[in-house]
Every structure is written in C-alpha cells, then in structure tokens.
Amino acid sequence: MSVVSQLILQADDELRYPSTGELKSIKEFLQTGEQRMRIAATLAENEKKIVQQASKQLWQKRPDFIAPGGNAYGERQRALCLRDYGWYLRLITYGVLAGDKEPIEKIGLIGVREMYNSLGVPVPGMVESIRCLKTAALDLMSAEDAAEAAPYFDYIIQSMS
C-alpha cells in the first residue's frame, strides 16, 4: 500500500479527516512520484544486468558458493539463486513505487529466514547477495536516486541479518 492509501485508511478507521501532518506526507509522496517511477524503471529495465553483475560480485567474493558442495554449485542451483536475486530486486521496486517498505515485509520477508534455513541456504550468503544487488543497482543511478533507493535494499539486509 502506498503512503496515501495508508493515511486515508488510518483516518477513516478513526472517523476523521486527514491531519495537516498527514496531508503534508501525502504532498511529499506525490512530489517524489517522478523520482520513484524513474528508480523503478531503472531497476526493471536493467534487471538482467543487475542480477548478472551482482552474481559476478558474489561469486568473486564467495567462490565456495559455486564450488562443489556449495549452495549455488551446478547450473540448476545457480539458476535458482539468480531467480531469487531477481525476485528481491522486484520486491525493492514494489517498495520504491509505494514509497514504503511494507510491501517488502508483507510479500517477501515474513518467514524468509525460516525458509532459507529449512532449505539449507546460508542466510549470511543471501545477505551478501542483497549487498551485491544493491551495489550493482545503485551504480546505474544518479546519486540522488541511489540515496532514495538504498534504504529499501538496507531494509532487506537488516531484516535477514
């Protein structure tokens, strides 16, 4: 849900009009719409490039992941990792568009640690992969857009850590 939807629903639940502060938040949200759209477009249009660059960085840092016995050893396992990287990049795009981290939490982070632990996937490796995604994605953005997008990557990193 966007900031606008959240504020409207909250005011409605409390049977009141939005407060001056809430209206200011809505105004700020709308003023950043063009930037959020630009960031989302950059992520979507460059998904393959970002995922490839991030995985290259990760395999260089952690060659044990793609070595025999590693969680990304073999074409099938590596493809599953790349699929997950794309999925997390899409989650970040949803958060940027909404101007909120709630979609990331609701869609992608509830139970993620338990899931990876049950599959035998090292969570620290996933954290490192998100760091690599962040680097690869932010390298394609202006400093201003990167500053706006970075907290969404950091949210996932902190949630998994």
N, C-alpha and C. Protein backbone atom coordinates (compact mmCIF):
# COMPACT_ATOMS: atom_id res chain seq x y z
N MET A 1 0.84 -1.19 0.00
CA MET A 1 0.00 0.00 0.00
C MET A 1 0.87 1.24 0.00
N SER A 2 0.41 2.25 -0.66
CA SER A 2 1.16 3.49 -0.70
C SER A 2 0.91 4.30 0.57
N VAL A 3 1.73 5.30 0.75
CA VAL A 3 1.57 6.21 1.88
C VAL A 3 0.18 6.83 1.85
N VAL A 4 -0.29 7.17 0.67
CA VAL A 4 -1.62 7.79 0.52
C VAL A 4 -2.69 6.83 1.03
N SER A 5 -2.66 5.59 0.57
CA SER A 5 -3.66 4.60 0.98
C SER A 5 -3.62 4.39 2.49
N GLN A 6 -2.44 4.27 3.04
CA GLN A 6 -2.31 4.04 4.47
C GLN A 6 -2.90 5.19 5.28
N LEU A 7 -2.59 6.41 4.88
CA LEU A 7 -3.07 7.57 5.63
C LEU A 7 -4.59 7.70 5.53
N ILE A 8 -5.13 7.45 4.37
CA ILE A 8 -6.58 7.52 4.19
C ILE A 8 -7.27 6.46 5.03
N LEU A 9 -6.78 5.24 4.98
CA LEU A 9 -7.39 4.16 5.77
C LEU A 9 -7.29 4.42 7.26
N GLN A 10 -6.15 4.96 7.69
CA GLN A 10 -5.99 5.27 9.11
C GLN A 10 -6.97 6.35 9.54
N ALA A 11 -7.10 7.40 8.76
CA ALA A 11 -8.05 8.46 9.09
C ALA A 11 -9.48 7.91 9.10
N ASP A 12 -9.80 7.08 8.12
CA ASP A 12 -11.14 6.51 8.04
C ASP A 12 -11.43 5.60 9.24
N ASP A 13 -10.45 4.80 9.63
CA ASP A 13 -10.63 3.93 10.80
C ASP A 13 -10.93 4.74 12.05
N GLU A 14 -10.35 5.94 12.12
CA GLU A 14 -10.53 6.81 13.28
C GLU A 14 -11.67 7.82 13.07
N LEU A 15 -12.40 7.68 11.96
CA LEU A 15 -13.56 8.53 11.64
C LEU A 15 -13.21 10.01 11.68
N ARG A 16 -12.13 10.37 10.98
CA ARG A 16 -11.67 11.76 10.96
C ARG A 16 -11.10 12.09 9.60
N TYR A 17 -10.90 13.38 9.39
CA TYR A 17 -10.22 13.83 8.18
C TYR A 17 -8.71 13.67 8.40
N PRO A 18 -7.97 13.55 7.30
CA PRO A 18 -6.51 13.51 7.47
C PRO A 18 -6.01 14.79 8.13
N SER A 19 -5.03 14.64 9.01
CA SER A 19 -4.47 15.79 9.72
C SER A 19 -3.58 16.60 8.77
N THR A 20 -3.19 17.77 9.23
CA THR A 20 -2.30 18.62 8.45
C THR A 20 -0.98 17.89 8.18
N GLY A 21 -0.45 17.22 9.18
CA GLY A 21 0.78 16.47 9.02
C GLY A 21 0.63 15.33 8.02
N GLU A 22 -0.52 14.66 8.04
CA GLU A 22 -0.77 13.57 7.09
C GLU A 22 -0.89 14.11 5.67
N LEU A 23 -1.55 15.25 5.54
CA LEU A 23 -1.66 15.86 4.22
C LEU A 23 -0.29 16.28 3.69
N LYS A 24 0.56 16.74 4.59
CA LYS A 24 1.92 17.10 4.20
C LYS A 24 2.67 15.85 3.71
N SER A 25 2.49 14.73 4.40
CA SER A 25 3.12 13.47 3.98
C SER A 25 2.64 13.05 2.59
N ILE A 26 1.34 13.23 2.35
CA ILE A 26 0.79 12.90 1.02
C ILE A 26 1.39 13.80 -0.04
N LYS A 27 1.50 15.08 0.27
CA LYS A 27 2.09 16.03 -0.67
C LYS A 27 3.54 15.64 -1.01
N GLU A 28 4.31 15.30 0.02
CA GLU A 28 5.70 14.89 -0.19
C GLU A 28 5.78 13.61 -1.03
N PHE A 29 4.87 12.68 -0.76
CA PHE A 29 4.82 11.43 -1.53
C PHE A 29 4.56 11.73 -3.00
N LEU A 30 3.61 12.58 -3.27
CA LEU A 30 3.27 12.91 -4.65
C LEU A 30 4.41 13.66 -5.34
N GLN A 31 5.11 14.49 -4.60
CA GLN A 31 6.22 15.25 -5.18
C GLN A 31 7.40 14.35 -5.57
N THR A 32 7.51 13.21 -4.92
CA THR A 32 8.61 12.30 -5.24
C THR A 32 8.20 11.22 -6.24
N GLY A 33 6.99 11.32 -6.76
CA GLY A 33 6.49 10.30 -7.68
C GLY A 33 7.34 10.11 -8.92
N GLU A 34 7.78 11.18 -9.51
CA GLU A 34 8.60 11.08 -10.73
C GLU A 34 9.91 10.35 -10.42
N GLN A 35 10.52 10.69 -9.30
CA GLN A 35 11.78 10.04 -8.93
C GLN A 35 11.55 8.55 -8.67
N ARG A 36 10.49 8.21 -7.93
CA ARG A 36 10.22 6.81 -7.64
C ARG A 36 9.95 6.03 -8.93
N MET A 37 9.26 6.63 -9.87
CA MET A 37 9.00 5.98 -11.16
C MET A 37 10.31 5.78 -11.93
N ARG A 38 11.18 6.77 -11.88
CA ARG A 38 12.48 6.67 -12.57
C ARG A 38 13.33 5.54 -11.98
N ILE A 39 13.34 5.45 -10.66
CA ILE A 39 14.10 4.38 -9.99
C ILE A 39 13.52 3.02 -10.36
N ALA A 40 12.20 2.91 -10.28
CA ALA A 40 11.55 1.63 -10.61
C ALA A 40 11.84 1.23 -12.05
N ALA A 41 11.81 2.19 -12.96
CA ALA A 41 12.10 1.90 -14.37
C ALA A 41 13.55 1.44 -14.53
N THR A 42 14.47 2.09 -13.83
CA THR A 42 15.88 1.70 -13.91
C THR A 42 16.06 0.27 -13.44
N LEU A 43 15.42 -0.09 -12.33
CA LEU A 43 15.55 -1.44 -11.80
C LEU A 43 14.92 -2.46 -12.75
N ALA A 44 13.73 -2.16 -13.24
CA ALA A 44 13.02 -3.10 -14.11
C ALA A 44 13.74 -3.28 -15.45
N GLU A 45 14.15 -2.18 -16.04
CA GLU A 45 14.78 -2.24 -17.37
C GLU A 45 16.17 -2.87 -17.33
N ASN A 46 16.79 -2.88 -16.16
CA ASN A 46 18.16 -3.39 -16.03
C ASN A 46 18.25 -4.62 -15.14
N GLU A 47 17.12 -5.29 -14.92
CA GLU A 47 17.12 -6.43 -14.00
C GLU A 47 18.19 -7.46 -14.37
N LYS A 48 18.21 -7.87 -15.61
CA LYS A 48 19.17 -8.90 -16.03
C LYS A 48 20.60 -8.44 -15.79
N LYS A 49 20.90 -7.22 -16.16
CA LYS A 49 22.25 -6.67 -15.98
C LYS A 49 22.61 -6.59 -14.50
N ILE A 50 21.67 -6.14 -13.69
CA ILE A 50 21.91 -6.00 -12.24
C ILE A 50 22.16 -7.37 -11.62
N VAL A 51 21.31 -8.34 -11.96
CA VAL A 51 21.44 -9.68 -11.40
C VAL A 51 22.76 -10.32 -11.84
N GLN A 52 23.11 -10.15 -13.11
CA GLN A 52 24.38 -10.71 -13.59
C GLN A 52 25.57 -10.07 -12.88
N GLN A 53 25.56 -8.75 -12.76
CA GLN A 53 26.67 -8.05 -12.10
C GLN A 53 26.75 -8.44 -10.63
N ALA A 54 25.59 -8.51 -9.97
CA ALA A 54 25.57 -8.87 -8.55
C ALA A 54 26.07 -10.30 -8.33
N SER A 55 25.64 -11.21 -9.19
CA SER A 55 26.08 -12.60 -9.01
C SER A 55 27.57 -12.71 -9.29
N LYS A 56 28.06 -11.99 -10.26
CA LYS A 56 29.51 -12.00 -10.55
C LYS A 56 30.29 -11.51 -9.32
N GLN A 57 29.80 -10.42 -8.71
CA GLN A 57 30.44 -9.90 -7.49
C GLN A 57 30.41 -10.93 -6.37
N LEU A 58 29.25 -11.57 -6.20
CA LEU A 58 29.10 -12.54 -5.12
C LEU A 58 30.00 -13.74 -5.33
N TRP A 59 30.05 -14.27 -6.55
CA TRP A 59 30.89 -15.45 -6.81
C TRP A 59 32.37 -15.10 -6.63
N GLN A 60 32.76 -13.86 -6.94
CA GLN A 60 34.15 -13.45 -6.71
C GLN A 60 34.46 -13.38 -5.22
N LYS A 61 33.51 -12.86 -4.45
CA LYS A 61 33.72 -12.76 -3.00
C LYS A 61 33.62 -14.11 -2.32
N ARG A 62 32.72 -14.94 -2.83
CA ARG A 62 32.45 -16.23 -2.19
C ARG A 62 32.48 -17.36 -3.20
N PRO A 63 33.66 -17.69 -3.72
CA PRO A 63 33.75 -18.76 -4.71
C PRO A 63 33.29 -20.12 -4.16
N ASP A 64 33.28 -20.25 -2.83
CA ASP A 64 32.82 -21.50 -2.22
C ASP A 64 31.35 -21.77 -2.50
N PHE A 65 30.58 -20.73 -2.80
CA PHE A 65 29.16 -20.93 -3.10
C PHE A 65 28.96 -21.70 -4.41
N ILE A 66 29.87 -21.51 -5.38
CA ILE A 66 29.72 -22.17 -6.68
C ILE A 66 30.66 -23.36 -6.84
N ALA A 67 31.44 -23.63 -5.81
CA ALA A 67 32.35 -24.79 -5.81
C ALA A 67 31.54 -26.05 -5.46
N PRO A 68 32.05 -27.22 -5.80
CA PRO A 68 31.34 -28.45 -5.42
C PRO A 68 30.99 -28.45 -3.94
N GLY A 69 29.73 -28.75 -3.65
CA GLY A 69 29.23 -28.73 -2.28
C GLY A 69 28.63 -27.40 -1.87
N GLY A 70 28.84 -26.36 -2.66
CA GLY A 70 28.27 -25.05 -2.36
C GLY A 70 26.80 -24.98 -2.74
N ASN A 71 26.08 -24.06 -2.14
CA ASN A 71 24.64 -23.94 -2.39
C ASN A 71 24.30 -23.51 -3.81
N ALA A 72 25.24 -22.92 -4.52
CA ALA A 72 24.99 -22.49 -5.90
C ALA A 72 25.82 -23.31 -6.89
N TYR A 73 26.22 -24.51 -6.47
CA TYR A 73 27.01 -25.38 -7.36
C TYR A 73 26.09 -26.02 -8.38
N GLY A 74 26.49 -25.95 -9.62
CA GLY A 74 25.71 -26.54 -10.70
C GLY A 74 24.75 -25.54 -11.32
N GLU A 75 24.41 -25.81 -12.56
CA GLU A 75 23.56 -24.88 -13.31
C GLU A 75 22.19 -24.69 -12.67
N ARG A 76 21.57 -25.77 -12.22
CA ARG A 76 20.23 -25.68 -11.64
C ARG A 76 20.23 -24.82 -10.38
N GLN A 77 21.17 -25.09 -9.48
CA GLN A 77 21.25 -24.33 -8.24
C GLN A 77 21.58 -22.87 -8.49
N ARG A 78 22.48 -22.65 -9.43
CA ARG A 78 22.85 -21.27 -9.77
C ARG A 78 21.65 -20.52 -10.35
N ALA A 79 20.87 -21.19 -11.19
CA ALA A 79 19.68 -20.57 -11.78
C ALA A 79 18.66 -20.23 -10.70
N LEU A 80 18.53 -21.08 -9.69
CA LEU A 80 17.61 -20.79 -8.59
C LEU A 80 18.06 -19.56 -7.81
N CYS A 81 19.36 -19.43 -7.61
CA CYS A 81 19.89 -18.25 -6.92
C CYS A 81 19.59 -16.99 -7.72
N LEU A 82 19.85 -17.04 -9.01
CA LEU A 82 19.60 -15.87 -9.86
C LEU A 82 18.12 -15.51 -9.87
N ARG A 83 17.27 -16.54 -9.86
CA ARG A 83 15.82 -16.29 -9.79
C ARG A 83 15.48 -15.52 -8.52
N ASP A 84 16.06 -15.96 -7.39
CA ASP A 84 15.79 -15.28 -6.12
C ASP A 84 16.31 -13.85 -6.14
N TYR A 85 17.47 -13.63 -6.75
CA TYR A 85 18.00 -12.26 -6.82
C TYR A 85 17.04 -11.36 -7.59
N GLY A 86 16.51 -11.86 -8.69
CA GLY A 86 15.53 -11.09 -9.47
C GLY A 86 14.28 -10.82 -8.67
N TRP A 87 13.87 -11.80 -7.89
CA TRP A 87 12.67 -11.65 -7.06
C TRP A 87 12.87 -10.55 -6.01
N TYR A 88 14.04 -10.54 -5.36
CA TYR A 88 14.30 -9.50 -4.37
C TYR A 88 14.40 -8.12 -5.03
N LEU A 89 14.95 -8.06 -6.21
CA LEU A 89 15.02 -6.79 -6.93
C LEU A 89 13.60 -6.29 -7.24
N ARG A 90 12.73 -7.20 -7.61
CA ARG A 90 11.34 -6.83 -7.87
C ARG A 90 10.66 -6.33 -6.59
N LEU A 91 10.92 -7.00 -5.47
CA LEU A 91 10.36 -6.54 -4.19
C LEU A 91 10.79 -5.11 -3.87
N ILE A 92 12.05 -4.83 -4.10
CA ILE A 92 12.57 -3.48 -3.85
C ILE A 92 11.85 -2.48 -4.74
N THR A 93 11.60 -2.87 -5.98
CA THR A 93 10.88 -2.00 -6.90
C THR A 93 9.48 -1.70 -6.36
N TYR A 94 8.80 -2.71 -5.83
CA TYR A 94 7.47 -2.50 -5.25
C TYR A 94 7.54 -1.50 -4.10
N GLY A 95 8.54 -1.65 -3.24
CA GLY A 95 8.69 -0.73 -2.12
C GLY A 95 8.94 0.69 -2.57
N VAL A 96 9.81 0.85 -3.56
CA VAL A 96 10.11 2.18 -4.08
C VAL A 96 8.84 2.81 -4.66
N LEU A 97 8.09 2.05 -5.43
CA LEU A 97 6.87 2.59 -6.03
C LEU A 97 5.85 3.02 -4.97
N ALA A 98 5.73 2.20 -3.93
CA ALA A 98 4.79 2.50 -2.86
C ALA A 98 5.31 3.60 -1.94
N GLY A 99 6.62 3.86 -1.99
CA GLY A 99 7.19 4.84 -1.06
C GLY A 99 7.18 4.32 0.36
N ASP A 100 7.22 2.98 0.49
CA ASP A 100 7.09 2.36 1.81
C ASP A 100 7.73 0.98 1.78
N LYS A 101 8.19 0.52 2.91
CA LYS A 101 8.82 -0.79 2.99
C LYS A 101 7.82 -1.90 3.27
N GLU A 102 6.57 -1.54 3.52
CA GLU A 102 5.54 -2.54 3.87
C GLU A 102 5.37 -3.63 2.80
N PRO A 103 5.35 -3.30 1.50
CA PRO A 103 5.23 -4.39 0.52
C PRO A 103 6.38 -5.39 0.60
N ILE A 104 7.56 -4.90 0.91
CA ILE A 104 8.72 -5.78 1.04
C ILE A 104 8.50 -6.74 2.21
N GLU A 105 8.03 -6.19 3.31
CA GLU A 105 7.78 -7.01 4.50
C GLU A 105 6.67 -8.03 4.24
N LYS A 106 5.55 -7.56 3.74
CA LYS A 106 4.40 -8.45 3.57
C LYS A 106 4.61 -9.50 2.49
N ILE A 107 5.21 -9.13 1.40
CA ILE A 107 5.36 -10.06 0.28
C ILE A 107 6.58 -10.95 0.44
N GLY A 108 7.67 -10.39 0.97
CA GLY A 108 8.91 -11.14 0.87
C GLY A 108 9.71 -11.45 2.09
N LEU A 109 9.42 -10.87 3.23
CA LEU A 109 10.33 -11.10 4.35
C LEU A 109 9.75 -11.94 5.48
N ILE A 110 8.44 -12.04 5.54
CA ILE A 110 7.85 -12.85 6.60
C ILE A 110 8.22 -14.31 6.35
N GLY A 111 8.93 -14.88 7.26
CA GLY A 111 9.31 -16.29 7.19
C GLY A 111 10.51 -16.60 6.31
N VAL A 112 11.18 -15.58 5.78
CA VAL A 112 12.28 -15.83 4.85
C VAL A 112 13.46 -16.55 5.53
N ARG A 113 13.78 -16.16 6.73
CA ARG A 113 14.90 -16.81 7.43
C ARG A 113 14.59 -18.30 7.64
N GLU A 114 13.36 -18.58 8.07
CA GLU A 114 12.97 -19.97 8.30
C GLU A 114 13.01 -20.77 7.01
N MET A 115 12.53 -20.16 5.93
CA MET A 115 12.53 -20.85 4.64
C MET A 115 13.95 -21.21 4.21
N TYR A 116 14.85 -20.22 4.23
CA TYR A 116 16.23 -20.48 3.80
C TYR A 116 16.91 -21.48 4.73
N ASN A 117 16.66 -21.39 6.03
CA ASN A 117 17.24 -22.36 6.95
C ASN A 117 16.74 -23.77 6.66
N SER A 118 15.45 -23.90 6.37
CA SER A 118 14.89 -25.23 6.08
C SER A 118 15.44 -25.80 4.78
N LEU A 119 15.80 -24.93 3.83
CA LEU A 119 16.37 -25.38 2.56
C LEU A 119 17.88 -25.56 2.63
N GLY A 120 18.47 -25.20 3.76
CA GLY A 120 19.91 -25.32 3.91
C GLY A 120 20.68 -24.22 3.20
N VAL A 121 20.01 -23.12 2.92
CA VAL A 121 20.66 -21.98 2.27
C VAL A 121 21.20 -21.05 3.36
N PRO A 122 22.49 -20.76 3.34
CA PRO A 122 23.04 -19.90 4.40
C PRO A 122 22.50 -18.47 4.28
N VAL A 123 21.80 -18.04 5.31
CA VAL A 123 21.22 -16.69 5.32
C VAL A 123 22.30 -15.62 5.16
N PRO A 124 23.48 -15.76 5.79
CA PRO A 124 24.52 -14.75 5.55
C PRO A 124 24.88 -14.62 4.07
N GLY A 125 24.81 -15.72 3.33
CA GLY A 125 25.07 -15.66 1.89
C GLY A 125 24.00 -14.88 1.17
N MET A 126 22.76 -15.02 1.60
CA MET A 126 21.67 -14.24 1.00
C MET A 126 21.84 -12.75 1.32
N VAL A 127 22.27 -12.47 2.54
CA VAL A 127 22.51 -11.07 2.92
C VAL A 127 23.59 -10.49 2.02
N GLU A 128 24.66 -11.24 1.81
CA GLU A 128 25.74 -10.76 0.95
C GLU A 128 25.25 -10.58 -0.49
N SER A 129 24.36 -11.46 -0.93
CA SER A 129 23.84 -11.32 -2.30
C SER A 129 23.00 -10.04 -2.44
N ILE A 130 22.26 -9.67 -1.41
CA ILE A 130 21.47 -8.43 -1.45
C ILE A 130 22.42 -7.23 -1.45
N ARG A 131 23.51 -7.31 -0.73
CA ARG A 131 24.50 -6.23 -0.76
C ARG A 131 25.06 -6.06 -2.18
N CYS A 132 25.32 -7.19 -2.84
CA CYS A 132 25.83 -7.14 -4.21
C CYS A 132 24.76 -6.58 -5.16
N LEU A 133 23.50 -6.96 -4.96
CA LEU A 133 22.41 -6.39 -5.76
C LEU A 133 22.35 -4.88 -5.58
N LYS A 134 22.49 -4.46 -4.33
CA LYS A 134 22.45 -3.03 -4.03
C LYS A 134 23.55 -2.29 -4.78
N THR A 135 24.76 -2.80 -4.70
CA THR A 135 25.88 -2.15 -5.38
C THR A 135 25.64 -2.08 -6.88
N ALA A 136 25.25 -3.19 -7.47
CA ALA A 136 25.03 -3.24 -8.92
C ALA A 136 23.91 -2.30 -9.35
N ALA A 137 22.85 -2.24 -8.57
CA ALA A 137 21.70 -1.39 -8.93
C ALA A 137 22.02 0.09 -8.75
N LEU A 138 22.62 0.43 -7.62
CA LEU A 138 22.88 1.84 -7.33
C LEU A 138 23.93 2.42 -8.27
N ASP A 139 24.80 1.57 -8.79
CA ASP A 139 25.81 2.04 -9.75
C ASP A 139 25.16 2.57 -11.03
N LEU A 140 23.92 2.19 -11.30
CA LEU A 140 23.22 2.64 -12.51
C LEU A 140 22.41 3.91 -12.29
N MET A 141 22.43 4.44 -11.08
CA MET A 141 21.58 5.58 -10.73
C MET A 141 22.39 6.83 -10.42
N SER A 142 21.72 7.96 -10.51
CA SER A 142 22.31 9.20 -10.04
C SER A 142 22.48 9.11 -8.53
N ALA A 143 23.28 9.97 -7.97
CA ALA A 143 23.49 9.97 -6.52
C ALA A 143 22.18 10.19 -5.78
N GLU A 144 21.35 11.07 -6.30
CA GLU A 144 20.06 11.37 -5.65
C GLU A 144 19.13 10.16 -5.68
N ASP A 145 19.04 9.49 -6.82
CA ASP A 145 18.19 8.31 -6.93
C ASP A 145 18.74 7.16 -6.09
N ALA A 146 20.06 7.01 -6.08
CA ALA A 146 20.68 5.96 -5.28
C ALA A 146 20.40 6.17 -3.80
N ALA A 147 20.44 7.42 -3.35
CA ALA A 147 20.16 7.72 -1.94
C ALA A 147 18.72 7.38 -1.59
N GLU A 148 17.82 7.55 -2.53
CA GLU A 148 16.40 7.21 -2.31
C GLU A 148 16.18 5.70 -2.32
N ALA A 149 16.89 4.98 -3.17
CA ALA A 149 16.68 3.54 -3.32
C ALA A 149 17.42 2.72 -2.26
N ALA A 150 18.55 3.19 -1.79
CA ALA A 150 19.39 2.41 -0.87
C ALA A 150 18.67 1.89 0.36
N PRO A 151 17.82 2.68 1.02
CA PRO A 151 17.17 2.17 2.24
C PRO A 151 16.31 0.94 2.01
N TYR A 152 15.80 0.75 0.81
CA TYR A 152 14.98 -0.43 0.53
C TYR A 152 15.85 -1.69 0.50
N PHE A 153 17.03 -1.59 -0.07
CA PHE A 153 17.99 -2.70 -0.03
C PHE A 153 18.41 -2.94 1.43
N ASP A 154 18.73 -1.85 2.14
CA ASP A 154 19.17 -1.96 3.52
C ASP A 154 18.11 -2.61 4.41
N TYR A 155 16.86 -2.35 4.12
CA TYR A 155 15.77 -2.94 4.90
C TYR A 155 15.80 -4.46 4.81
N ILE A 156 16.00 -4.97 3.60
CA ILE A 156 16.08 -6.42 3.42
C ILE A 156 17.32 -6.97 4.12
N ILE A 157 18.43 -6.28 3.95
CA ILE A 157 19.69 -6.71 4.57
C ILE A 157 19.51 -6.78 6.09
N GLN A 158 18.96 -5.75 6.68
CA GLN A 158 18.77 -5.72 8.13
C GLN A 158 17.77 -6.78 8.59
N SER A 159 16.73 -6.99 7.81
CA SER A 159 15.73 -7.98 8.18
C SER A 159 16.26 -9.40 8.15
N MET A 160 17.19 -9.66 7.25
CA MET A 160 17.77 -11.00 7.15
C MET A 160 18.94 -11.21 8.11
N SER A 161 19.55 -10.13 8.55
CA SER A 161 20.75 -10.24 9.40
C SER A 161 20.41 -10.67 10.82
